Amino acid sequence: MSVLVLLEVSLKPENVNDFTNFMKNELHDTRGFDGCNGLTVHKNQDDSNNMVIVEDWDSRQQYEKYLSWRTERGDLEKLAAWLTGAPSIRYYDNAQI
């Protein structure tokens, strides 16, 4: 069963463009990573510094493998410098309703 991952970030206003450019340049790697079925990036209508990345993965384990790869590359450290606090990562199963 696939897992829906919600990654929410609050960006420092001066780093919104850095984050956006990083996403434009790097998300092709995410979309091509084993287990990723797709993702979309959404900007909060009421707070343009707040974004949510909605991701569909085959499993939580594959997403965690992906996060490890990003960590090893130094990408998460780079992104952390642009945030006002820790990102929120939540994992959801389809409730089959």
PDB file of N, CA and C in Angstrom:
ATOM      1  N   MET A   1       0.840  -1.177   0.000  1.00  0.00           N
ATOM      2  CA  MET A   1       0.000   0.000   0.000  1.00  0.00           C
ATOM      3  C   MET A   1       0.888   1.243   0.000  1.00  0.00           C
ATOM      4  N   SER A   2       0.548   2.220  -0.805  1.00  0.00           N
ATOM      5  CA  SER A   2       1.353   3.435  -0.887  1.00  0.00           C
ATOM      6  C   SER A   2       1.118   4.320   0.334  1.00  0.00           C
ATOM      7  N   VAL A   3       2.018   5.274   0.509  1.00  0.00           N
ATOM      8  CA  VAL A   3       1.939   6.207   1.625  1.00  0.00           C
ATOM      9  C   VAL A   3       1.975   7.624   1.072  1.00  0.00           C
ATOM     10  N   LEU A   4       1.135   8.487   1.639  1.00  0.00           N
ATOM     11  CA  LEU A   4       1.127   9.903   1.298  1.00  0.00           C
ATOM     12  C   LEU A   4       1.994  10.617   2.323  1.00  0.00           C
ATOM     13  N   VAL A   5       2.948  11.393   1.850  1.00  0.00           N
ATOM     14  CA  VAL A   5       3.849  12.126   2.733  1.00  0.00           C
ATOM     15  C   VAL A   5       3.575  13.614   2.560  1.00  0.00           C
ATOM     16  N   LEU A   6       3.349  14.301   3.687  1.00  0.00           N
ATOM     17  CA  LEU A   6       3.189  15.754   3.674  1.00  0.00           C
ATOM     18  C   LEU A   6       4.399  16.361   4.366  1.00  0.00           C
ATOM     19  N   LEU A   7       5.152  17.138   3.610  1.00  0.00           N
ATOM     20  CA  LEU A   7       6.320  17.838   4.140  1.00  0.00           C
ATOM     21  C   LEU A   7       5.982  19.320   4.148  1.00  0.00           C
ATOM     22  N   GLU A   8       5.871  19.898   5.343  1.00  0.00           N
ATOM     23  CA  GLU A   8       5.510  21.309   5.463  1.00  0.00           C
ATOM     24  C   GLU A   8       6.713  22.099   5.948  1.00  0.00           C
ATOM     25  N   VAL A   9       6.976  23.225   5.279  1.00  0.00           N
ATOM     26  CA  VAL A   9       8.096  24.086   5.650  1.00  0.00           C
ATOM     27  C   VAL A   9       7.625  25.526   5.776  1.00  0.00           C
ATOM     28  N   SER A  10       8.235  26.237   6.716  1.00  0.00           N
ATOM     29  CA  SER A  10       8.044  27.679   6.852  1.00  0.00           C
ATOM     30  C   SER A  10       9.387  28.317   6.549  1.00  0.00           C
ATOM     31  N   LEU A  11       9.394  29.134   5.518  1.00  0.00           N
ATOM     32  CA  LEU A  11      10.637  29.700   5.005  1.00  0.00           C
ATOM     33  C   LEU A  11      10.888  31.106   5.529  1.00  0.00           C
ATOM     34  N   LYS A  12      12.166  31.431   5.682  1.00  0.00           N
ATOM     35  CA  LYS A  12      12.538  32.814   5.951  1.00  0.00           C
ATOM     36  C   LYS A  12      12.191  33.602   4.691  1.00  0.00           C
ATOM     37  N   PRO A  13      11.573  34.780   4.832  1.00  0.00           N
ATOM     38  CA  PRO A  13      11.149  35.533   3.637  1.00  0.00           C
ATOM     39  C   PRO A  13      12.266  35.748   2.621  1.00  0.00           C
ATOM     40  N   GLU A  14      13.478  35.967   3.102  1.00  0.00           N
ATOM     41  CA  GLU A  14      14.592  36.231   2.188  1.00  0.00           C
ATOM     42  C   GLU A  14      15.077  34.977   1.464  1.00  0.00           C
ATOM     43  N   ASN A  15      14.552  33.808   1.828  1.00  0.00           N
ATOM     44  CA  ASN A  15      14.999  32.560   1.209  1.00  0.00           C
ATOM     45  C   ASN A  15      13.935  31.852   0.381  1.00  0.00           C
ATOM     46  N   VAL A  16      12.784  32.478   0.195  1.00  0.00           N
ATOM     47  CA  VAL A  16      11.717  31.845  -0.592  1.00  0.00           C
ATOM     48  C   VAL A  16      12.203  31.558  -2.007  1.00  0.00           C
ATOM     49  N   ASN A  17      12.881  32.512  -2.631  1.00  0.00           N
ATOM     50  CA  ASN A  17      13.378  32.300  -3.998  1.00  0.00           C
ATOM     51  C   ASN A  17      14.459  31.221  -4.042  1.00  0.00           C
ATOM     52  N   ASP A  18      15.318  31.171  -3.031  1.00  0.00           N
ATOM     53  CA  ASP A  18      16.337  30.114  -2.965  1.00  0.00           C
ATOM     54  C   ASP A  18      15.668  28.747  -2.929  1.00  0.00           C
ATOM     55  N   PHE A  19      14.657  28.619  -2.079  1.00  0.00           N
ATOM     56  CA  PHE A  19      13.938  27.353  -1.947  1.00  0.00           C
ATOM     57  C   PHE A  19      13.245  26.986  -3.255  1.00  0.00           C
ATOM     58  N   THR A  20      12.565  27.952  -3.852  1.00  0.00           N
ATOM     59  CA  THR A  20      11.847  27.706  -5.103  1.00  0.00           C
ATOM     60  C   THR A  20      12.803  27.263  -6.206  1.00  0.00           C
ATOM     61  N   ASN A  21      13.924  27.942  -6.332  1.00  0.00           N
ATOM     62  CA  ASN A  21      14.910  27.569  -7.354  1.00  0.00           C
ATOM     63  C   ASN A  21      15.500  26.189  -7.081  1.00  0.00           C
ATOM     64  N   PHE A  22      15.779  25.894  -5.819  1.00  0.00           N
ATOM     65  CA  PHE A  22      16.294  24.577  -5.458  1.00  0.00           C
ATOM     66  C   PHE A  22      15.297  23.499  -5.868  1.00  0.00           C
ATOM     67  N   MET A  23      14.035  23.721  -5.558  1.00  0.00           N
ATOM     68  CA  MET A  23      12.995  22.743  -5.897  1.00  0.00           C
ATOM     69  C   MET A  23      12.908  22.548  -7.414  1.00  0.00           C
ATOM     70  N   LYS A  24      12.930  23.635  -8.157  1.00  0.00           N
ATOM     71  CA  LYS A  24      12.853  23.538  -9.623  1.00  0.00           C
ATOM     72  C   LYS A  24      14.020  22.724 -10.184  1.00  0.00           C
ATOM     73  N   ASN A  25      15.197  22.891  -9.593  1.00  0.00           N
ATOM     74  CA  ASN A  25      16.393  22.208 -10.090  1.00  0.00           C
ATOM     75  C   ASN A  25      16.538  20.780  -9.586  1.00  0.00           C
ATOM     76  N   GLU A  26      15.968  20.463  -8.440  1.00  0.00           N
ATOM     77  CA  GLU A  26      16.239  19.183  -7.788  1.00  0.00           C
ATOM     78  C   GLU A  26      15.084  18.190  -7.787  1.00  0.00           C
ATOM     79  N   LEU A  27      13.862  18.641  -8.002  1.00  0.00           N
ATOM     80  CA  LEU A  27      12.728  17.722  -7.870  1.00  0.00           C
ATOM     81  C   LEU A  27      12.699  16.632  -8.930  1.00  0.00           C
ATOM     82  N   HIS A  28      13.400  16.828 -10.049  1.00  0.00           N
ATOM     83  CA  HIS A  28      13.458  15.743 -11.038  1.00  0.00           C
ATOM     84  C   HIS A  28      14.130  14.507 -10.438  1.00  0.00           C
ATOM     85  N   ASP A  29      15.116  14.736  -9.538  1.00  0.00           N
ATOM     86  CA  ASP A  29      15.757  13.605  -8.858  1.00  0.00           C
ATOM     87  C   ASP A  29      14.779  12.900  -7.925  1.00  0.00           C
ATOM     88  N   THR A  30      13.965  13.686  -7.243  1.00  0.00           N
ATOM     89  CA  THR A  30      12.974  13.101  -6.332  1.00  0.00           C
ATOM     90  C   THR A  30      11.958  12.293  -7.117  1.00  0.00           C
ATOM     91  N   ARG A  31      11.439  12.881  -8.176  1.00  0.00           N
ATOM     92  CA  ARG A  31      10.416  12.197  -8.972  1.00  0.00           C
ATOM     93  C   ARG A  31      10.952  10.910  -9.600  1.00  0.00           C
ATOM     94  N   GLY A  32      12.250  10.857  -9.851  1.00  0.00           N
ATOM     95  CA  GLY A  32      12.854   9.671 -10.442  1.00  0.00           C
ATOM     96  C   GLY A  32      13.381   8.668  -9.429  1.00  0.00           C
ATOM     97  N   PHE A  33      13.281   8.999  -8.143  1.00  0.00           N
ATOM     98  CA  PHE A  33      13.816   8.113  -7.107  1.00  0.00           C
ATOM     99  C   PHE A  33      12.931   6.882  -6.974  1.00  0.00           C
ATOM    100  N   ASP A  34      13.566   5.733  -6.754  1.00  0.00           N
ATOM    101  CA  ASP A  34      12.833   4.475  -6.630  1.00  0.00           C
ATOM    102  C   ASP A  34      11.755   4.574  -5.555  1.00  0.00           C
ATOM    103  N   GLY A  35      10.513   4.338  -5.950  1.00  0.00           N
ATOM    104  CA  GLY A  35       9.395   4.353  -5.016  1.00  0.00           C
ATOM    105  C   GLY A  35       8.563   5.610  -5.047  1.00  0.00           C
ATOM    106  N   CYS A  36       9.067   6.679  -5.681  1.00  0.00           N
ATOM    107  CA  CYS A  36       8.293   7.919  -5.761  1.00  0.00           C
ATOM    108  C   CYS A  36       7.312   7.826  -6.923  1.00  0.00           C
ATOM    109  N   ASN A  37       6.042   8.000  -6.610  1.00  0.00           N
ATOM    110  CA  ASN A  37       4.994   7.963  -7.635  1.00  0.00           C
ATOM    111  C   ASN A  37       4.584   9.347  -8.106  1.00  0.00           C
ATOM    112  N   GLY A  38       5.113  10.382  -7.471  1.00  0.00           N
ATOM    113  CA  GLY A  38       4.811  11.746  -7.876  1.00  0.00           C
ATOM    114  C   GLY A  38       4.745  12.674  -6.684  1.00  0.00           C
ATOM    115  N   LEU A  39       4.824  13.966  -6.982  1.00  0.00           N
ATOM    116  CA  LEU A  39       4.716  14.971  -5.928  1.00  0.00           C
ATOM    117  C   LEU A  39       4.289  16.294  -6.520  1.00  0.00           C
ATOM    118  N   THR A  40       3.718  17.132  -5.658  1.00  0.00           N
ATOM    119  CA  THR A  40       3.351  18.495  -6.025  1.00  0.00           C
ATOM    120  C   THR A  40       3.741  19.416  -4.874  1.00  0.00           C
ATOM    121  N   VAL A  41       4.062  20.661  -5.211  1.00  0.00           N
ATOM    122  CA  VAL A  41       4.434  21.663  -4.215  1.00  0.00           C
ATOM    123  C   VAL A  41       3.324  22.702  -4.173  1.00  0.00           C
ATOM    124  N   HIS A  42       2.891  23.037  -2.957  1.00  0.00           N
ATOM    125  CA  HIS A  42       1.778  23.968  -2.775  1.00  0.00           C
ATOM    126  C   HIS A  42       2.199  25.114  -1.865  1.00  0.00           C
ATOM    127  N   LYS A  43       1.794  26.342  -2.251  1.00  0.00           N
ATOM    128  CA  LYS A  43       2.078  27.535  -1.462  1.00  0.00           C
ATOM    129  C   LYS A  43       0.806  27.950  -0.732  1.00  0.00           C
ATOM    130  N   ASN A  44       0.923  28.252   0.546  1.00  0.00           N
ATOM    131  CA  ASN A  44      -0.192  28.689   1.372  1.00  0.00           C
ATOM    132  C   ASN A  44      -0.739  30.016   0.837  1.00  0.00           C
ATOM    133  N   GLN A  45      -2.047  30.094   0.610  1.00  0.00           N
ATOM    134  CA  GLN A  45      -2.670  31.310   0.090  1.00  0.00           C
ATOM    135  C   GLN A  45      -2.566  32.478   1.068  1.00  0.00           C
ATOM    136  N   ASP A  46      -2.508  32.173   2.353  1.00  0.00           N
ATOM    137  CA  ASP A  46      -2.494  33.219   3.374  1.00  0.00           C
ATOM    138  C   ASP A  46      -1.102  33.526   3.910  1.00  0.00           C
ATOM    139  N   ASP A  47      -0.115  32.726   3.542  1.00  0.00           N
ATOM    140  CA  ASP A  47       1.256  32.911   4.020  1.00  0.00           C
ATOM    141  C   ASP A  47       2.210  32.360   2.961  1.00  0.00           C
ATOM    142  N   SER A  48       2.712  33.232   2.105  1.00  0.00           N
ATOM    143  CA  SER A  48       3.538  32.786   0.974  1.00  0.00           C
ATOM    144  C   SER A  48       4.885  32.203   1.412  1.00  0.00           C
ATOM    145  N   ASN A  49       5.217  32.308   2.689  1.00  0.00           N
ATOM    146  CA  ASN A  49       6.448  31.701   3.204  1.00  0.00           C
ATOM    147  C   ASN A  49       6.227  30.264   3.668  1.00  0.00           C
ATOM    148  N   ASN A  50       4.983  29.809   3.614  1.00  0.00           N
ATOM    149  CA  ASN A  50       4.619  28.464   4.063  1.00  0.00           C
ATOM    150  C   ASN A  50       4.290  27.608   2.851  1.00  0.00           C
ATOM    151  N   MET A  51       4.961  26.461   2.738  1.00  0.00           N
ATOM    152  CA  MET A  51       4.720  25.556   1.611  1.00  0.00           C
ATOM    153  C   MET A  51       4.570  24.128   2.107  1.00  0.00           C
ATOM    154  N   VAL A  52       3.813  23.355   1.335  1.00  0.00           N
ATOM    155  CA  VAL A  52       3.621  21.940   1.620  1.00  0.00           C
ATOM    156  C   VAL A  52       3.970  21.159   0.359  1.00  0.00           C
ATOM    157  N   ILE A  53       4.780  20.125   0.522  1.00  0.00           N
ATOM    158  CA  ILE A  53       5.089  19.217  -0.574  1.00  0.00           C
ATOM    159  C   ILE A  53       4.293  17.944  -0.316  1.00  0.00           C
ATOM    160  N   VAL A  54       3.424  17.608  -1.264  1.00  0.00           N
ATOM    161  CA  VAL A  54       2.569  16.428  -1.160  1.00  0.00           C
ATOM    162  C   VAL A  54       3.191  15.353  -2.039  1.00  0.00           C
ATOM    163  N   GLU A  55       3.580  14.242  -1.412  1.00  0.00           N
ATOM    164  CA  GLU A  55       4.317  13.196  -2.113  1.00  0.00           C
ATOM    165  C   GLU A  55       3.607  11.849  -1.989  1.00  0.00           C
ATOM    166  N   ASP A  56       3.634  11.090  -3.061  1.00  0.00           N
ATOM    167  CA  ASP A  56       3.074   9.736  -3.073  1.00  0.00           C
ATOM    168  C   ASP A  56       4.229   8.757  -3.255  1.00  0.00           C
ATOM    169  N   TRP A  57       4.413   7.865  -2.263  1.00  0.00           N
ATOM    170  CA  TRP A  57       5.505   6.892  -2.275  1.00  0.00           C
ATOM    171  C   TRP A  57       4.950   5.489  -2.145  1.00  0.00           C
ATOM    172  N   ASP A  58       5.693   4.528  -2.682  1.00  0.00           N
ATOM    173  CA  ASP A  58       5.295   3.126  -2.543  1.00  0.00           C
ATOM    174  C   ASP A  58       5.278   2.694  -1.082  1.00  0.00           C
ATOM    175  N   SER A  59       6.227   3.225  -0.275  1.00  0.00           N
ATOM    176  CA  SER A  59       6.288   2.854   1.143  1.00  0.00           C
ATOM    177  C   SER A  59       7.023   3.937   1.927  1.00  0.00           C
ATOM    178  N   ARG A  60       6.789   3.942   3.216  1.00  0.00           N
ATOM    179  CA  ARG A  60       7.500   4.862   4.101  1.00  0.00           C
ATOM    180  C   ARG A  60       8.996   4.559   4.077  1.00  0.00           C
ATOM    181  N   GLN A  61       9.341   3.280   4.007  1.00  0.00           N
ATOM    182  CA  GLN A  61      10.749   2.892   3.988  1.00  0.00           C
ATOM    183  C   GLN A  61      11.468   3.481   2.775  1.00  0.00           C
ATOM    184  N   GLN A  62      10.795   3.506   1.619  1.00  0.00           N
ATOM    185  CA  GLN A  62      11.430   4.084   0.433  1.00  0.00           C
ATOM    186  C   GLN A  62      11.607   5.591   0.591  1.00  0.00           C
ATOM    187  N   TYR A  63      10.630   6.249   1.209  1.00  0.00           N
ATOM    188  CA  TYR A  63      10.769   7.680   1.458  1.00  0.00           C
ATOM    189  C   TYR A  63      11.932   7.933   2.418  1.00  0.00           C
ATOM    190  N   GLU A  64      12.038   7.127   3.461  1.00  0.00           N
ATOM    191  CA  GLU A  64      13.125   7.294   4.419  1.00  0.00           C
ATOM    192  C   GLU A  64      14.487   7.033   3.773  1.00  0.00           C
ATOM    193  N   LYS A  65      14.547   6.107   2.833  1.00  0.00           N
ATOM    194  CA  LYS A  65      15.780   5.869   2.073  1.00  0.00           C
ATOM    195  C   LYS A  65      16.120   7.114   1.247  1.00  0.00           C
ATOM    196  N   TYR A  66      15.110   7.704   0.649  1.00  0.00           N
ATOM    197  CA  TYR A  66      15.293   8.938  -0.117  1.00  0.00           C
ATOM    198  C   TYR A  66      15.814  10.058   0.793  1.00  0.00           C
ATOM    199  N   LEU A  67      15.207  10.219   1.974  1.00  0.00           N
ATOM    200  CA  LEU A  67      15.659  11.255   2.905  1.00  0.00           C
ATOM    201  C   LEU A  67      17.112  11.032   3.314  1.00  0.00           C
ATOM    202  N   SER A  68      17.502   9.795   3.514  1.00  0.00           N
ATOM    203  CA  SER A  68      18.898   9.482   3.849  1.00  0.00           C
ATOM    204  C   SER A  68      19.829   9.912   2.729  1.00  0.00           C
ATOM    205  N   TRP A  69      19.416   9.657   1.496  1.00  0.00           N
ATOM    206  CA  TRP A  69      20.214  10.060   0.341  1.00  0.00           C
ATOM    207  C   TRP A  69      20.362  11.583   0.299  1.00  0.00           C
ATOM    208  N   ARG A  70      19.260  12.309   0.529  1.00  0.00           N
ATOM    209  CA  ARG A  70      19.327  13.780   0.545  1.00  0.00           C
ATOM    210  C   ARG A  70      20.236  14.265   1.677  1.00  0.00           C
ATOM    211  N   THR A  71      20.177  13.604   2.814  1.00  0.00           N
ATOM    212  CA  THR A  71      21.023  13.977   3.950  1.00  0.00           C
ATOM    213  C   THR A  71      22.494  13.778   3.605  1.00  0.00           C
ATOM    214  N   GLU A  72      22.831  12.633   3.018  1.00  0.00           N
ATOM    215  CA  GLU A  72      24.217  12.333   2.645  1.00  0.00           C
ATOM    216  C   GLU A  72      24.767  13.358   1.659  1.00  0.00           C
ATOM    217  N   ARG A  73      23.922  13.855   0.777  1.00  0.00           N
ATOM    218  CA  ARG A  73      24.345  14.854  -0.212  1.00  0.00           C
ATOM    219  C   ARG A  73      24.519  16.247   0.393  1.00  0.00           C
ATOM    220  N   GLY A  74      23.973  16.459   1.595  1.00  0.00           N
ATOM    221  CA  GLY A  74      24.046  17.774   2.227  1.00  0.00           C
ATOM    222  C   GLY A  74      22.864  18.669   1.912  1.00  0.00           C
ATOM    223  N   ASP A  75      21.880  18.132   1.191  1.00  0.00           N
ATOM    224  CA  ASP A  75      20.729  18.941   0.791  1.00  0.00           C
ATOM    225  C   ASP A  75      19.880  19.377   1.981  1.00  0.00           C
ATOM    226  N   LEU A  76      19.686  18.500   2.958  1.00  0.00           N
ATOM    227  CA  LEU A  76      18.827  18.847   4.090  1.00  0.00           C
ATOM    228  C   LEU A  76      19.455  19.930   4.954  1.00  0.00           C
ATOM    229  N   GLU A  77      20.765  19.898   5.088  1.00  0.00           N
ATOM    230  CA  GLU A  77      21.463  20.949   5.834  1.00  0.00           C
ATOM    231  C   GLU A  77      21.302  22.294   5.127  1.00  0.00           C
ATOM    232  N   LYS A  78      21.411  22.282   3.821  1.00  0.00           N
ATOM    233  CA  LYS A  78      21.234  23.496   3.023  1.00  0.00           C
ATOM    234  C   LYS A  78      19.819  24.040   3.191  1.00  0.00           C
ATOM    235  N   LEU A  79      18.829  23.168   3.067  1.00  0.00           N
ATOM    236  CA  LEU A  79      17.435  23.585   3.200  1.00  0.00           C
ATOM    237  C   LEU A  79      17.137  24.103   4.603  1.00  0.00           C
ATOM    238  N   ALA A  80      17.700  23.473   5.614  1.00  0.00           N
ATOM    239  CA  ALA A  80      17.439  23.867   7.000  1.00  0.00           C
ATOM    240  C   ALA A  80      17.821  25.320   7.255  1.00  0.00           C
ATOM    241  N   ALA A  81      18.858  25.795   6.580  1.00  0.00           N
ATOM    242  CA  ALA A  81      19.304  27.179   6.760  1.00  0.00           C
ATOM    243  C   ALA A  81      18.271  28.177   6.247  1.00  0.00           C
ATOM    244  N   TRP A  82      17.380  27.733   5.383  1.00  0.00           N
ATOM    245  CA  TRP A  82      16.370  28.618   4.806  1.00  0.00           C
ATOM    246  C   TRP A  82      15.056  28.615   5.582  1.00  0.00           C
ATOM    247  N   LEU A  83      14.944  27.757   6.577  1.00  0.00           N
ATOM    248  CA  LEU A  83      13.685  27.579   7.303  1.00  0.00           C
ATOM    249  C   LEU A  83      13.678  28.359   8.613  1.00  0.00           C
ATOM    250  N   THR A  84      12.465  28.695   9.070  1.00  0.00           N
ATOM    251  CA  THR A  84      12.321  29.370  10.362  1.00  0.00           C
ATOM    252  C   THR A  84      12.323  28.379  11.517  1.00  0.00           C
ATOM    253  N   GLY A  85      12.151  27.111  11.223  1.00  0.00           N
ATOM    254  CA  GLY A  85      12.131  26.059  12.243  1.00  0.00           C
ATOM    255  C   GLY A  85      12.186  24.707  11.569  1.00  0.00           C
ATOM    256  N   ALA A  86      12.045  23.677  12.356  1.00  0.00           N
ATOM    257  CA  ALA A  86      12.095  22.318  11.812  1.00  0.00           C
ATOM    258  C   ALA A  86      10.900  22.058  10.900  1.00  0.00           C
ATOM    259  N   PRO A  87      11.112  21.340   9.795  1.00  0.00           N
ATOM    260  CA  PRO A  87       9.983  20.997   8.929  1.00  0.00           C
ATOM    261  C   PRO A  87       9.093  19.960   9.611  1.00  0.00           C
ATOM    262  N   SER A  88       7.860  19.900   9.160  1.00  0.00           N
ATOM    263  CA  SER A  88       6.925  18.879   9.638  1.00  0.00           C
ATOM    264  C   SER A  88       6.800  17.813   8.557  1.00  0.00           C
ATOM    265  N   ILE A  89       7.021  16.563   8.930  1.00  0.00           N
ATOM    266  CA  ILE A  89       6.845  15.446   7.996  1.00  0.00           C
ATOM    267  C   ILE A  89       5.796  14.525   8.597  1.00  0.00           C
ATOM    268  N   ARG A  90       4.717  14.308   7.833  1.00  0.00           N
ATOM    269  CA  ARG A  90       3.639  13.430   8.294  1.00  0.00           C
ATOM    270  C   ARG A  90       3.389  12.366   7.239  1.00  0.00           C
ATOM    271  N   TYR A  91       3.062  11.172   7.705  1.00  0.00           N
ATOM    272  CA  TYR A  91       2.854  10.016   6.834  1.00  0.00           C
ATOM    273  C   TYR A  91       1.404   9.558   6.968  1.00  0.00           C
ATOM    274  N   TYR A  92       0.741   9.330   5.826  1.00  0.00           N
ATOM    275  CA  TYR A  92      -0.663   8.936   5.829  1.00  0.00           C
ATOM    276  C   TYR A  92      -0.884   7.696   4.973  1.00  0.00           C
ATOM    277  N   ASP A  93      -1.681   6.787   5.509  1.00  0.00           N
ATOM    278  CA  ASP A  93      -2.169   5.647   4.744  1.00  0.00           C
ATOM    279  C   ASP A  93      -3.540   5.996   4.191  1.00  0.00           C
ATOM    280  N   ASN A  94      -3.878   5.421   3.053  1.00  0.00           N
ATOM    281  CA  ASN A  94      -5.218   5.577   2.497  1.00  0.00           C
ATOM    282  C   ASN A  94      -6.204   4.901   3.441  1.00  0.00           C
ATOM    283  N   ALA A  95      -7.218   5.624   3.872  1.00  0.00           N
ATOM    284  CA  ALA A  95      -8.198   5.091   4.822  1.00  0.00           C
ATOM    285  C   ALA A  95      -9.208   4.164   4.148  1.00  0.00           C
ATOM    286  N   GLN A  96      -9.133   4.045   2.826  1.00  0.00           N
ATOM    287  CA  GLN A  96     -10.019   3.143   2.074  1.00  0.00           C
ATOM    288  C   GLN A  96     -11.499   3.447   2.323  1.00  0.00           C
ATOM    289  N   ILE A  97     -11.821   4.703   2.480  1.00  0.00           N
ATOM    290  CA  ILE A  97     -13.221   5.095   2.709  1.00  0.00           C
ATOM    291  C   ILE A  97     -13.841   5.543   1.399  1.00  0.00           C
TER     292      ILE A  97
END
